[in-house]
Amino acid sequence: MLITNVTWLDLFFASIGVYLVKQAFSKKKLAPYPPGPPGWPLIGNVLDIPHTKPWLTFAKWGKKYGRCLMFSNTIHFNSMPCR
């Protein structure tokens, strides 16, 4: 069987597809996200963060969703666990 008309672009997209499928089915244990409101796919909570005094919003989120404190590669939970 002879493969003809295969371009470098075809090989590039095929390798990207294989990589994405491999990443989707890998069983890696990721670090938990800090507590907060659910975000949108790809952009997360970028649209939720105000331009002026964002620390006030973060403080409200800390009170509403709980706190997650990180100390030297271990996670300590305060009120609610990280998601």
Protein backbone atom coordinates (compact mmCIF):
# COMPACT_ATOMS: atom_id res chain seq x y z
CA MET A 1 0.00 0.00 0.00
CA LEU A 2 1.44 3.31 -1.08
CA ILE A 3 0.45 6.53 0.68
CA THR A 4 0.42 9.47 -1.67
CA ASN A 5 -0.25 13.16 -1.23
CA VAL A 6 0.61 13.22 2.45
CA THR A 7 1.95 16.64 3.34
CA TRP A 8 3.83 17.88 6.36
CA LEU A 9 0.67 19.69 7.41
CA ASP A 10 -1.24 16.38 7.44
CA LEU A 11 1.44 14.80 9.61
CA PHE A 12 1.41 17.81 11.92
CA PHE A 13 -2.36 17.66 12.47
CA ALA A 14 -2.26 13.89 12.91
CA SER A 15 0.44 14.18 15.58
CA ILE A 16 -1.50 16.94 17.36
CA GLY A 17 -4.58 14.69 17.32
CA VAL A 18 -2.66 11.76 18.78
CA TYR A 19 -1.22 14.01 21.49
CA LEU A 20 -4.65 15.38 22.44
CA VAL A 21 -6.21 11.92 22.61
CA LYS A 22 -3.31 10.72 24.76
CA GLN A 23 -3.73 13.69 27.12
CA ALA A 24 -7.49 13.16 27.35
CA PHE A 25 -7.11 9.54 28.43
CA SER A 26 -4.10 9.87 30.70
CA LYS A 27 -4.72 9.27 34.40
CA LYS A 28 -2.58 12.02 35.90
CA LYS A 29 -3.31 13.30 39.39
CA LEU A 30 -3.33 17.08 39.10
CA ALA A 31 -3.09 19.49 41.99
CA PRO A 32 -6.50 20.77 43.06
CA TYR A 33 -7.56 24.22 42.00
CA PRO A 34 -8.01 26.87 44.66
CA PRO A 35 -11.61 27.48 45.72
CA GLY A 36 -13.70 29.82 43.65
CA PRO A 37 -16.63 30.12 41.30
CA PRO A 38 -16.80 27.75 38.35
CA GLY A 39 -15.15 29.12 35.25
CA TRP A 40 -15.68 28.89 31.52
CA PRO A 41 -13.73 26.39 29.42
CA LEU A 42 -10.36 27.71 28.25
CA ILE A 43 -10.74 31.20 29.78
CA GLY A 44 -11.62 30.23 33.35
CA ASN A 45 -12.63 33.19 35.51
CA VAL A 46 -10.90 35.92 33.53
CA LEU A 47 -14.20 37.71 32.95
CA ASP A 48 -15.11 37.56 36.67
CA ILE A 49 -12.05 39.46 37.90
CA PRO A 50 -12.64 43.22 38.17
CA HIS A 51 -10.05 45.69 36.90
CA THR A 52 -10.11 47.83 40.04
CA LYS A 53 -9.42 46.41 43.50
CA PRO A 54 -9.50 42.71 42.56
CA TRP A 55 -8.38 41.72 46.08
CA LEU A 56 -11.85 42.63 47.36
CA THR A 57 -13.40 40.10 44.98
CA PHE A 58 -10.85 37.49 46.03
CA ALA A 59 -11.69 38.13 49.68
CA LYS A 60 -15.41 37.64 48.95
CA TRP A 61 -14.65 34.41 47.10
CA GLY A 62 -12.54 33.25 50.05
CA LYS A 63 -15.44 33.79 52.43
CA LYS A 64 -18.00 32.23 50.09
CA TYR A 65 -16.05 29.23 48.78
CA GLY A 66 -13.66 28.60 51.68
CA ARG A 67 -9.92 28.83 51.83
CA CYS A 68 -7.19 26.57 50.60
CA LEU A 69 -3.76 27.21 52.05
CA MET A 70 -0.66 25.67 50.52
CA PHE A 71 2.41 24.91 52.61
CA SER A 72 5.49 23.24 51.13
CA ASN A 73 3.87 20.80 48.68
CA THR A 74 0.99 19.91 51.02
CA ILE A 75 -2.46 21.38 51.02
CA HIS A 76 -4.23 22.30 54.22
CA PHE A 77 -7.95 22.88 54.11
CA ASN A 78 -9.76 25.55 56.00
CA SER A 79 -13.59 25.29 56.05
CA MET A 80 -14.15 23.88 52.55
CA PRO A 81 -11.81 21.71 50.48
CA CYS A 82 -10.26 22.86 47.24
CA ARG A 83 -11.92 21.51 44.13
